Structures are given as structure tokens and as C-alpha cells.
Amino acid sequence: MSWLARFIYFKILGWKVVGNTNMSMDTVKKAVIIVVPHTSWHDFFIGVLLRSAINLKTNFVGKKELFVFPIGWIFRALGGAPIDRHTKENKVQAIAKLFEDRDEFRMAMAPEGTRKKVEEWRTGFYYIAKVAKVPIFMFTLDFGKKENKISEPFYPTDDKEADFKFMKDFFKDAIGKVLEYT
């Protein structure tokens, strides 16, 4: 399937991968991957094609109600991990435990938390990376340039404000599918 994903991603759709293109995810088995800007349902398909095209196993979390037969089987096959959002358990701790319990877990998520334009990102991904002691990789979804730019691994510090400025600067020129939500 990887060859088909590469054909669709590179040849048919005309996308490219730039930045940390020779990253060895064989050595980074655990990471938080943030993808920005998230403005359309098309982002999911570009992400699935990208991960297949570059042979990058990624995961995501979703509410446990999504993981029932038969759709749950598909979500698990795509790397999904169920989370119970109705317990009193701290969600950051629960997701950090997924990192602890698995040999390989690269969680992809959109820090905007929605496809609409937002002024501030949600912070859960940041605290998950800190608690799990894993790096953050940044991937752009730049529909203007038709490219996914990949960052070097970034480890959160104790200066949240500086860290968020650094991360947002990485995405500053990326244009989403829906321009007004970028």
C-alpha cells in the first residue's frame, strides 16, 4: 500500500515533504506529532497518505465509544487508541500512560482542537509530551505550497510561553485548505 500512497500523494496530488525529511522514526519510537493548520476534513486524508508515503506509523486517541465493532476495528487498524472521557481520570495522565504502556506510540493531533480558526491552541499535547517525556514533531498541512514540512524533534522546556512561540513560528506561513480558518 505504501507505493500506492506515494503515487497518489506525490504524483496525482502533487504534494511534497520538506524539512526533516530524513528523520529516522526508527530511533524515535514515541512522540507527539502536532499538525497545523487543521481547517478541513481533507487534512485527515493528506495525513493518512503522508504517513503511508513516508512509512511512519502514527497513532491517535479517540473517545472509547468510537471503538465499537465494526468501525472500532478500522480505527484500531489506523492506529487509534480508545480513551474514556467520562471518568474522573486526568486525560493528560491517561494519554501519557499510553506512551508508558507501549513500545511504540506516536500520537498525532491538531492543537487547534477544531477545524475553525482559533486564536489560542489547546495545551493538552504540550503537557502530554512533558509528562510522557517525549519529543514533539511539528508537521505543516500547507495547502498553499502543497507540502508537509517536518520539524526536528522539539522537547518542551519549563518556559511554556517561549515554547509556544517557537512552535507557532514553525507554522506561521502554512496555509490551510480553508483559507479563512488559517
N, C-alpha and C. Protein backbone atom coordinates (compact mmCIF):
# COMPACT_ATOMS: atom_id res chain seq x y z
N MET A 1 0.81 -1.22 0.00
CA MET A 1 0.00 0.00 0.00
C MET A 1 0.85 1.26 0.00
N SER A 2 2.08 1.14 0.48
CA SER A 2 2.95 2.31 0.55
C SER A 2 3.21 2.90 -0.84
N TRP A 3 3.40 2.04 -1.82
CA TRP A 3 3.66 2.52 -3.18
C TRP A 3 2.46 3.27 -3.73
N LEU A 4 1.25 2.78 -3.41
CA LEU A 4 0.03 3.43 -3.87
C LEU A 4 -0.12 4.80 -3.19
N ALA A 5 0.15 4.86 -1.90
CA ALA A 5 0.07 6.13 -1.17
C ALA A 5 1.08 7.13 -1.76
N ARG A 6 2.30 6.68 -2.03
CA ARG A 6 3.31 7.57 -2.62
C ARG A 6 2.86 8.07 -3.99
N PHE A 7 2.29 7.17 -4.78
CA PHE A 7 1.83 7.55 -6.12
C PHE A 7 0.74 8.63 -6.01
N ILE A 8 -0.25 8.40 -5.16
CA ILE A 8 -1.35 9.36 -5.00
C ILE A 8 -0.82 10.67 -4.43
N TYR A 9 -0.05 10.59 -3.33
CA TYR A 9 0.43 11.78 -2.61
C TYR A 9 1.36 12.62 -3.50
N PHE A 10 2.39 11.99 -4.08
CA PHE A 10 3.39 12.73 -4.84
C PHE A 10 2.97 13.00 -6.29
N LYS A 11 2.49 12.00 -6.98
CA LYS A 11 2.23 12.13 -8.43
C LYS A 11 0.86 12.70 -8.75
N ILE A 12 -0.18 12.14 -8.17
CA ILE A 12 -1.53 12.59 -8.51
C ILE A 12 -1.85 13.92 -7.84
N LEU A 13 -1.61 14.01 -6.52
CA LEU A 13 -1.96 15.23 -5.80
C LEU A 13 -0.86 16.29 -5.86
N GLY A 14 0.37 15.89 -6.15
CA GLY A 14 1.47 16.85 -6.30
C GLY A 14 2.02 17.42 -5.00
N TRP A 15 1.89 16.68 -3.89
CA TRP A 15 2.41 17.14 -2.61
C TRP A 15 3.88 16.77 -2.48
N LYS A 16 4.55 17.42 -1.54
CA LYS A 16 5.95 17.10 -1.25
C LYS A 16 6.19 17.18 0.25
N VAL A 17 7.30 16.58 0.66
CA VAL A 17 7.72 16.58 2.06
C VAL A 17 9.03 17.35 2.13
N VAL A 18 9.10 18.33 3.06
CA VAL A 18 10.31 19.15 3.21
C VAL A 18 10.69 19.22 4.69
N GLY A 19 11.87 19.76 4.93
CA GLY A 19 12.34 19.90 6.31
C GLY A 19 13.09 18.67 6.73
N ASN A 20 12.71 18.12 7.84
CA ASN A 20 13.37 16.95 8.42
C ASN A 20 12.95 15.69 7.65
N THR A 21 13.30 15.65 6.37
CA THR A 21 12.84 14.56 5.51
C THR A 21 13.57 13.25 5.74
N ASN A 22 14.72 13.30 6.37
CA ASN A 22 15.44 12.05 6.62
C ASN A 22 15.35 11.65 8.08
N MET A 23 14.30 12.13 8.74
CA MET A 23 14.15 11.77 10.15
C MET A 23 14.05 10.26 10.27
N SER A 24 14.68 9.76 11.26
CA SER A 24 14.64 8.33 11.48
C SER A 24 13.67 8.04 12.61
N MET A 25 12.45 7.74 12.25
CA MET A 25 11.46 7.42 13.27
C MET A 25 11.72 6.03 13.85
N ASP A 26 12.70 5.31 13.25
CA ASP A 26 13.10 4.04 13.86
C ASP A 26 13.75 4.29 15.21
N THR A 27 14.40 5.45 15.35
CA THR A 27 15.05 5.77 16.61
C THR A 27 14.14 6.56 17.54
N VAL A 28 13.10 7.17 16.99
CA VAL A 28 12.13 7.91 17.81
C VAL A 28 10.82 7.13 17.78
N LYS A 29 10.67 6.24 18.71
CA LYS A 29 9.51 5.35 18.74
C LYS A 29 8.31 5.98 19.45
N LYS A 30 8.57 7.04 20.21
CA LYS A 30 7.49 7.70 20.95
C LYS A 30 7.60 9.20 20.74
N ALA A 31 6.49 9.81 20.35
CA ALA A 31 6.49 11.25 20.10
C ALA A 31 5.06 11.76 20.03
N VAL A 32 4.92 13.05 20.24
CA VAL A 32 3.67 13.74 19.96
C VAL A 32 3.90 14.47 18.65
N ILE A 33 3.01 14.27 17.70
CA ILE A 33 3.09 14.93 16.41
C ILE A 33 1.95 15.92 16.33
N ILE A 34 2.27 17.19 16.15
CA ILE A 34 1.21 18.18 16.00
C ILE A 34 1.16 18.62 14.54
N VAL A 35 -0.07 18.75 14.06
CA VAL A 35 -0.31 19.06 12.66
C VAL A 35 -1.14 20.33 12.60
N VAL A 36 -0.62 21.33 11.86
CA VAL A 36 -1.24 22.65 11.78
C VAL A 36 -1.05 23.19 10.37
N PRO A 37 -1.96 23.94 9.80
CA PRO A 37 -3.30 24.27 10.30
C PRO A 37 -4.29 23.15 9.98
N HIS A 38 -5.23 22.98 10.87
CA HIS A 38 -6.30 21.98 10.70
C HIS A 38 -7.56 22.75 10.35
N THR A 39 -7.90 22.78 9.05
CA THR A 39 -9.03 23.60 8.62
C THR A 39 -10.09 22.84 7.85
N SER A 40 -9.86 21.55 7.57
CA SER A 40 -10.79 20.83 6.71
C SER A 40 -10.71 19.33 6.98
N TRP A 41 -11.75 18.60 6.60
CA TRP A 41 -11.72 17.15 6.70
C TRP A 41 -10.69 16.56 5.74
N HIS A 42 -10.28 17.32 4.73
CA HIS A 42 -9.24 16.86 3.79
C HIS A 42 -7.92 16.59 4.51
N ASP A 43 -7.69 17.28 5.62
CA ASP A 43 -6.44 17.12 6.38
C ASP A 43 -6.20 15.67 6.76
N PHE A 44 -7.27 14.98 7.15
CA PHE A 44 -7.15 13.58 7.57
C PHE A 44 -6.58 12.73 6.42
N PHE A 45 -7.11 12.92 5.22
CA PHE A 45 -6.67 12.11 4.09
C PHE A 45 -5.23 12.42 3.69
N ILE A 46 -4.85 13.69 3.73
CA ILE A 46 -3.46 14.04 3.45
C ILE A 46 -2.56 13.41 4.50
N GLY A 47 -2.97 13.45 5.75
CA GLY A 47 -2.19 12.84 6.82
C GLY A 47 -2.02 11.34 6.66
N VAL A 48 -3.10 10.65 6.31
CA VAL A 48 -3.03 9.19 6.11
C VAL A 48 -2.13 8.88 4.92
N LEU A 49 -2.25 9.63 3.85
CA LEU A 49 -1.38 9.42 2.69
C LEU A 49 0.08 9.69 3.05
N LEU A 50 0.32 10.77 3.77
CA LEU A 50 1.69 11.13 4.16
C LEU A 50 2.32 10.04 5.00
N ARG A 51 1.62 9.58 6.01
CA ARG A 51 2.22 8.58 6.88
C ARG A 51 2.52 7.29 6.13
N SER A 52 1.69 6.93 5.16
CA SER A 52 1.97 5.75 4.35
C SER A 52 3.11 6.01 3.38
N ALA A 53 3.13 7.20 2.80
CA ALA A 53 4.17 7.54 1.82
C ALA A 53 5.57 7.55 2.43
N ILE A 54 5.67 7.98 3.70
CA ILE A 54 6.99 8.04 4.34
C ILE A 54 7.20 6.91 5.34
N ASN A 55 6.29 5.94 5.34
CA ASN A 55 6.38 4.77 6.22
C ASN A 55 6.51 5.16 7.69
N LEU A 56 5.62 6.00 8.15
CA LEU A 56 5.63 6.48 9.53
C LEU A 56 4.39 5.96 10.25
N LYS A 57 4.59 5.08 11.18
CA LYS A 57 3.47 4.57 11.96
C LYS A 57 3.06 5.64 12.96
N THR A 58 1.81 6.07 12.88
CA THR A 58 1.30 7.07 13.82
C THR A 58 0.04 6.55 14.49
N ASN A 59 -0.30 7.21 15.57
CA ASN A 59 -1.47 6.84 16.36
C ASN A 59 -2.31 8.08 16.63
N PHE A 60 -3.50 7.84 17.11
CA PHE A 60 -4.36 8.92 17.57
C PHE A 60 -5.21 8.39 18.70
N VAL A 61 -5.77 9.27 19.48
CA VAL A 61 -6.68 8.85 20.53
C VAL A 61 -8.08 9.34 20.17
N GLY A 62 -9.06 8.60 20.62
CA GLY A 62 -10.44 8.97 20.38
C GLY A 62 -11.29 8.45 21.52
N LYS A 63 -12.48 9.01 21.64
CA LYS A 63 -13.36 8.56 22.72
C LYS A 63 -13.69 7.08 22.52
N LYS A 64 -13.75 6.36 23.63
CA LYS A 64 -13.90 4.90 23.58
C LYS A 64 -15.17 4.48 22.84
N GLU A 65 -16.17 5.33 22.81
CA GLU A 65 -17.43 5.00 22.13
C GLU A 65 -17.22 4.80 20.62
N LEU A 66 -16.17 5.36 20.07
CA LEU A 66 -15.88 5.19 18.64
C LEU A 66 -15.27 3.82 18.32
N PHE A 67 -14.81 3.12 19.34
CA PHE A 67 -14.05 1.89 19.13
C PHE A 67 -14.89 0.63 19.32
N VAL A 68 -16.16 0.69 18.91
CA VAL A 68 -17.02 -0.48 18.96
C VAL A 68 -17.10 -1.09 17.56
N PHE A 69 -17.39 -2.39 17.51
CA PHE A 69 -17.48 -3.09 16.23
C PHE A 69 -18.60 -2.50 15.39
N PRO A 70 -18.44 -2.34 14.10
CA PRO A 70 -17.30 -2.71 13.27
C PRO A 70 -16.30 -1.57 13.05
N ILE A 71 -16.72 -0.32 13.28
CA ILE A 71 -15.85 0.82 12.99
C ILE A 71 -14.63 0.85 13.90
N GLY A 72 -14.77 0.32 15.11
CA GLY A 72 -13.65 0.28 16.05
C GLY A 72 -12.47 -0.50 15.50
N TRP A 73 -12.75 -1.56 14.77
CA TRP A 73 -11.69 -2.36 14.15
C TRP A 73 -10.89 -1.50 13.17
N ILE A 74 -11.59 -0.70 12.38
CA ILE A 74 -10.92 0.18 11.40
C ILE A 74 -10.08 1.22 12.13
N PHE A 75 -10.64 1.85 13.17
CA PHE A 75 -9.89 2.86 13.92
C PHE A 75 -8.63 2.27 14.54
N ARG A 76 -8.73 1.07 15.10
CA ARG A 76 -7.55 0.43 15.68
C ARG A 76 -6.51 0.12 14.60
N ALA A 77 -6.97 -0.34 13.44
CA ALA A 77 -6.06 -0.64 12.33
C ALA A 77 -5.35 0.62 11.86
N LEU A 78 -6.00 1.76 11.98
CA LEU A 78 -5.39 3.04 11.59
C LEU A 78 -4.50 3.62 12.69
N GLY A 79 -4.39 2.93 13.82
CA GLY A 79 -3.52 3.38 14.91
C GLY A 79 -4.26 4.04 16.06
N GLY A 80 -5.57 3.91 16.08
CA GLY A 80 -6.36 4.54 17.13
C GLY A 80 -6.24 3.84 18.47
N ALA A 81 -6.34 4.63 19.53
CA ALA A 81 -6.33 4.12 20.90
C ALA A 81 -7.51 4.76 21.63
N PRO A 82 -8.38 3.93 22.22
CA PRO A 82 -9.55 4.49 22.90
C PRO A 82 -9.20 5.12 24.25
N ILE A 83 -9.91 6.18 24.58
CA ILE A 83 -9.74 6.85 25.87
C ILE A 83 -11.14 7.10 26.44
N ASP A 84 -11.31 6.87 27.71
CA ASP A 84 -12.59 7.09 28.37
C ASP A 84 -12.64 8.53 28.85
N ARG A 85 -13.45 9.34 28.18
CA ARG A 85 -13.53 10.77 28.51
C ARG A 85 -14.48 11.07 29.65
N HIS A 86 -15.18 10.04 30.14
CA HIS A 86 -16.19 10.29 31.17
C HIS A 86 -15.72 9.96 32.58
N THR A 87 -14.51 9.44 32.71
CA THR A 87 -14.01 9.15 34.05
C THR A 87 -13.42 10.42 34.65
N LYS A 88 -13.14 10.35 35.92
CA LYS A 88 -12.53 11.49 36.61
C LYS A 88 -11.01 11.52 36.37
N GLU A 89 -10.49 10.48 35.71
CA GLU A 89 -9.06 10.39 35.46
C GLU A 89 -8.58 11.58 34.62
N ASN A 90 -7.45 12.11 34.99
CA ASN A 90 -6.82 13.20 34.26
C ASN A 90 -6.47 12.71 32.86
N LYS A 91 -6.94 13.42 31.84
CA LYS A 91 -6.74 12.96 30.45
C LYS A 91 -5.27 13.01 30.05
N VAL A 92 -4.54 14.00 30.49
CA VAL A 92 -3.11 14.07 30.20
C VAL A 92 -2.41 12.84 30.77
N GLN A 93 -2.72 12.51 32.02
CA GLN A 93 -2.12 11.33 32.65
C GLN A 93 -2.53 10.04 31.93
N ALA A 94 -3.80 9.95 31.54
CA ALA A 94 -4.28 8.75 30.86
C ALA A 94 -3.57 8.55 29.52
N ILE A 95 -3.38 9.63 28.78
CA ILE A 95 -2.71 9.52 27.48
C ILE A 95 -1.22 9.29 27.68
N ALA A 96 -0.62 9.92 28.67
CA ALA A 96 0.80 9.68 28.96
C ALA A 96 1.02 8.22 29.31
N LYS A 97 0.03 7.60 29.95
CA LYS A 97 0.13 6.18 30.29
C LYS A 97 0.15 5.31 29.03
N LEU A 98 -0.55 5.74 27.98
CA LEU A 98 -0.50 5.01 26.71
C LEU A 98 0.95 4.95 26.19
N PHE A 99 1.67 6.05 26.35
CA PHE A 99 3.08 6.07 25.95
C PHE A 99 3.89 5.09 26.79
N GLU A 100 3.60 5.08 28.08
CA GLU A 100 4.33 4.22 29.00
C GLU A 100 4.06 2.74 28.72
N ASP A 101 2.82 2.41 28.37
CA ASP A 101 2.41 1.02 28.20
C ASP A 101 2.79 0.41 26.85
N ARG A 102 3.24 1.24 25.92
CA ARG A 102 3.52 0.74 24.57
C ARG A 102 4.99 0.94 24.21
N ASP A 103 5.50 0.04 23.40
CA ASP A 103 6.89 0.16 22.93
C ASP A 103 7.02 1.24 21.87
N GLU A 104 5.94 1.45 21.13
CA GLU A 104 5.94 2.43 20.05
C GLU A 104 4.61 3.15 20.05
N PHE A 105 4.64 4.48 20.13
CA PHE A 105 3.41 5.27 20.14
C PHE A 105 3.76 6.68 19.71
N ARG A 106 3.29 7.05 18.54
CA ARG A 106 3.48 8.41 18.02
C ARG A 106 2.10 8.99 17.81
N MET A 107 1.69 9.85 18.72
CA MET A 107 0.34 10.38 18.71
C MET A 107 0.26 11.66 17.89
N ALA A 108 -0.56 11.63 16.85
CA ALA A 108 -0.77 12.81 16.01
C ALA A 108 -2.05 13.52 16.44
N MET A 109 -1.97 14.85 16.48
CA MET A 109 -3.16 15.61 16.84
C MET A 109 -3.04 17.06 16.35
N ALA A 110 -4.17 17.71 16.30
CA ALA A 110 -4.23 19.12 15.89
C ALA A 110 -4.41 19.97 17.15
N PRO A 111 -3.43 20.81 17.47
CA PRO A 111 -3.54 21.61 18.69
C PRO A 111 -4.65 22.65 18.66
N GLU A 112 -5.19 22.95 17.47
CA GLU A 112 -6.31 23.89 17.43
C GLU A 112 -7.56 23.29 18.06
N GLY A 113 -7.69 21.96 18.00
CA GLY A 113 -8.84 21.30 18.60
C GLY A 113 -10.11 21.38 17.78
N THR A 114 -10.06 22.04 16.63
CA THR A 114 -11.22 22.20 15.75
C THR A 114 -10.71 22.58 14.37
N ARG A 115 -11.62 22.53 13.40
CA ARG A 115 -11.22 22.95 12.04
C ARG A 115 -11.46 24.43 11.83
N LYS A 116 -12.06 25.09 12.76
CA LYS A 116 -12.33 26.53 12.64
C LYS A 116 -11.09 27.33 13.07
N LYS A 117 -11.08 28.61 12.73
CA LYS A 117 -9.98 29.48 13.15
C LYS A 117 -10.03 29.68 14.66
N VAL A 118 -8.88 29.55 15.29
CA VAL A 118 -8.78 29.78 16.73
C VAL A 118 -7.64 30.75 17.01
N GLU A 119 -7.77 31.47 18.09
CA GLU A 119 -6.71 32.39 18.49
C GLU A 119 -5.64 31.69 19.31
N GLU A 120 -6.06 30.73 20.12
CA GLU A 120 -5.13 30.02 21.00
C GLU A 120 -5.26 28.51 20.81
N TRP A 121 -4.13 27.84 20.83
CA TRP A 121 -4.13 26.38 20.75
C TRP A 121 -4.53 25.80 22.10
N ARG A 122 -5.03 24.60 22.06
CA ARG A 122 -5.21 23.84 23.29
C ARG A 122 -3.83 23.40 23.75
N THR A 123 -3.70 23.13 25.00
CA THR A 123 -2.36 22.85 25.56
C THR A 123 -2.13 21.39 25.93
N GLY A 124 -3.13 20.56 25.80
CA GLY A 124 -3.00 19.16 26.20
C GLY A 124 -1.82 18.44 25.59
N PHE A 125 -1.59 18.63 24.28
CA PHE A 125 -0.48 17.95 23.60
C PHE A 125 0.85 18.29 24.26
N TYR A 126 0.98 19.53 24.68
CA TYR A 126 2.23 20.02 25.29
C TYR A 126 2.48 19.31 26.62
N TYR A 127 1.44 19.26 27.45
CA TYR A 127 1.59 18.62 28.75
C TYR A 127 1.73 17.10 28.63
N ILE A 128 1.08 16.52 27.62
CA ILE A 128 1.26 15.09 27.37
C ILE A 128 2.72 14.81 27.06
N ALA A 129 3.32 15.61 26.17
CA ALA A 129 4.74 15.42 25.81
C ALA A 129 5.63 15.59 27.03
N LYS A 130 5.32 16.57 27.87
CA LYS A 130 6.13 16.79 29.07
C LYS A 130 6.02 15.62 30.04
N VAL A 131 4.79 15.19 30.33
CA VAL A 131 4.58 14.11 31.29
C VAL A 131 5.16 12.79 30.76
N ALA A 132 4.96 12.53 29.47
CA ALA A 132 5.45 11.29 28.87
C ALA A 132 6.95 11.36 28.55
N LYS A 133 7.52 12.57 28.64
CA LYS A 133 8.94 12.79 28.35
C LYS A 133 9.29 12.36 26.93
N VAL A 134 8.47 12.83 25.98
CA VAL A 134 8.69 12.53 24.57
C VAL A 134 8.80 13.83 23.78
N PRO A 135 9.46 13.78 22.62
CA PRO A 135 9.58 15.00 21.81
C PRO A 135 8.28 15.31 21.07
N ILE A 136 8.21 16.54 20.62
CA ILE A 136 7.12 16.99 19.76
C ILE A 136 7.72 17.16 18.37
N PHE A 137 7.05 16.57 17.37
CA PHE A 137 7.39 16.83 15.97
C PHE A 137 6.28 17.68 15.40
N MET A 138 6.63 18.67 14.61
CA MET A 138 5.65 19.55 14.00
C MET A 138 5.57 19.25 12.51
N PHE A 139 4.35 19.07 12.01
CA PHE A 139 4.09 18.81 10.59
C PHE A 139 3.13 19.88 10.10
N THR A 140 3.48 20.55 9.01
CA THR A 140 2.54 21.51 8.43
C THR A 140 1.58 20.79 7.49
N LEU A 141 0.41 21.36 7.35
CA LEU A 141 -0.56 20.96 6.33
C LEU A 141 -0.74 22.17 5.43
N ASP A 142 0.26 22.44 4.61
CA ASP A 142 0.28 23.65 3.80
C ASP A 142 -0.33 23.38 2.42
N PHE A 143 -1.60 23.72 2.27
CA PHE A 143 -2.29 23.52 1.00
C PHE A 143 -1.86 24.57 -0.02
N GLY A 144 -1.31 25.70 0.42
CA GLY A 144 -0.83 26.73 -0.50
C GLY A 144 0.38 26.23 -1.30
N LYS A 145 1.30 25.60 -0.60
CA LYS A 145 2.51 25.08 -1.25
C LYS A 145 2.40 23.59 -1.56
N LYS A 146 1.32 22.96 -1.13
CA LYS A 146 1.14 21.51 -1.25
C LYS A 146 2.34 20.78 -0.67
N GLU A 147 2.60 21.11 0.60
CA GLU A 147 3.74 20.45 1.25
C GLU A 147 3.47 20.21 2.72
N ASN A 148 4.13 19.17 3.19
CA ASN A 148 4.18 18.88 4.61
C ASN A 148 5.62 19.13 5.03
N LYS A 149 5.81 20.15 5.86
CA LYS A 149 7.14 20.43 6.41
C LYS A 149 7.23 19.75 7.76
N ILE A 150 8.34 19.06 7.98
CA ILE A 150 8.53 18.30 9.21
C ILE A 150 9.67 18.91 10.01
N SER A 151 9.43 19.13 11.29
CA SER A 151 10.45 19.74 12.16
C SER A 151 11.42 18.70 12.69
N GLU A 152 12.47 19.19 13.27
CA GLU A 152 13.34 18.36 14.09
C GLU A 152 12.59 18.08 15.39
N PRO A 153 12.99 17.07 16.16
CA PRO A 153 12.30 16.83 17.44
C PRO A 153 12.48 18.03 18.37
N PHE A 154 11.42 18.39 19.05
CA PHE A 154 11.43 19.51 19.99
C PHE A 154 10.98 19.00 21.35
N TYR A 155 11.80 19.21 22.34
CA TYR A 155 11.46 18.80 23.70
C TYR A 155 10.98 20.02 24.48
N PRO A 156 9.76 19.96 25.03
CA PRO A 156 9.25 21.09 25.80
C PRO A 156 10.16 21.43 26.98
N THR A 157 10.25 22.70 27.25
CA THR A 157 11.07 23.18 28.37
C THR A 157 10.13 23.58 29.51
N ASP A 158 10.65 24.32 30.45
CA ASP A 158 9.79 24.84 31.52
C ASP A 158 9.30 26.24 31.22
N ASP A 159 9.53 26.72 29.99
CA ASP A 159 9.08 28.04 29.58
C ASP A 159 7.99 27.86 28.52
N LYS A 160 6.77 27.67 28.98
CA LYS A 160 5.65 27.40 28.08
C LYS A 160 5.46 28.51 27.05
N GLU A 161 5.56 29.74 27.48
CA GLU A 161 5.35 30.86 26.57
C GLU A 161 6.37 30.84 25.43
N ALA A 162 7.64 30.64 25.75
CA ALA A 162 8.69 30.59 24.71
C ALA A 162 8.50 29.36 23.82
N ASP A 163 8.12 28.24 24.42
CA ASP A 163 7.90 27.02 23.64
C ASP A 163 6.78 27.20 22.63
N PHE A 164 5.67 27.80 23.05
CA PHE A 164 4.56 28.00 22.14
C PHE A 164 4.91 29.01 21.04
N LYS A 165 5.68 30.02 21.38
CA LYS A 165 6.13 30.97 20.35
C LYS A 165 6.98 30.24 19.32
N PHE A 166 7.90 29.40 19.77
CA PHE A 166 8.76 28.63 18.88
C PHE A 166 7.92 27.74 17.96
N MET A 167 6.96 27.03 18.54
CA MET A 167 6.13 26.13 17.73
C MET A 167 5.26 26.89 16.75
N LYS A 168 4.63 27.96 17.20
CA LYS A 168 3.76 28.73 16.31
C LYS A 168 4.56 29.37 15.17
N ASP A 169 5.80 29.77 15.45
CA ASP A 169 6.65 30.32 14.40
C ASP A 169 6.92 29.29 13.30
N PHE A 170 7.01 28.02 13.67
CA PHE A 170 7.24 26.97 12.68
C PHE A 170 6.10 26.93 11.67
N PHE A 171 4.88 27.22 12.11
CA PHE A 171 3.69 27.10 11.26
C PHE A 171 3.25 28.43 10.64
N LYS A 172 3.96 29.52 10.90
CA LYS A 172 3.44 30.85 10.57
C LYS A 172 3.09 31.05 9.10
N ASP A 173 3.76 30.40 8.17
CA ASP A 173 3.47 30.61 6.75
C ASP A 173 2.59 29.54 6.13
N ALA A 174 2.19 28.54 6.88
CA ALA A 174 1.39 27.45 6.34
C ALA A 174 -0.05 27.91 6.09
N ILE A 175 -0.59 27.51 4.96
CA ILE A 175 -1.94 27.90 4.55
C ILE A 175 -2.83 26.66 4.54
N GLY A 176 -3.93 26.73 5.27
CA GLY A 176 -4.86 25.60 5.33
C GLY A 176 -5.72 25.49 4.11
N LYS A 177 -6.41 24.38 3.99
CA LYS A 177 -7.33 24.14 2.87
C LYS A 177 -8.40 25.21 2.83
N VAL A 178 -8.97 25.55 3.98
CA VAL A 178 -9.98 26.61 4.07
C VAL A 178 -9.25 27.87 4.56
N LEU A 179 -8.97 28.76 3.64
CA LEU A 179 -8.11 29.92 3.90
C LEU A 179 -8.56 30.76 5.09
N GLU A 180 -9.86 31.01 5.21
CA GLU A 180 -10.33 31.88 6.29
C GLU A 180 -10.19 31.27 7.67
N TYR A 181 -9.92 29.97 7.76
CA TYR A 181 -9.68 29.33 9.06
C TYR A 181 -8.21 29.25 9.42
N THR A 182 -7.34 29.66 8.51
CA THR A 182 -5.90 29.59 8.74
C THR A 182 -5.48 30.70 9.69
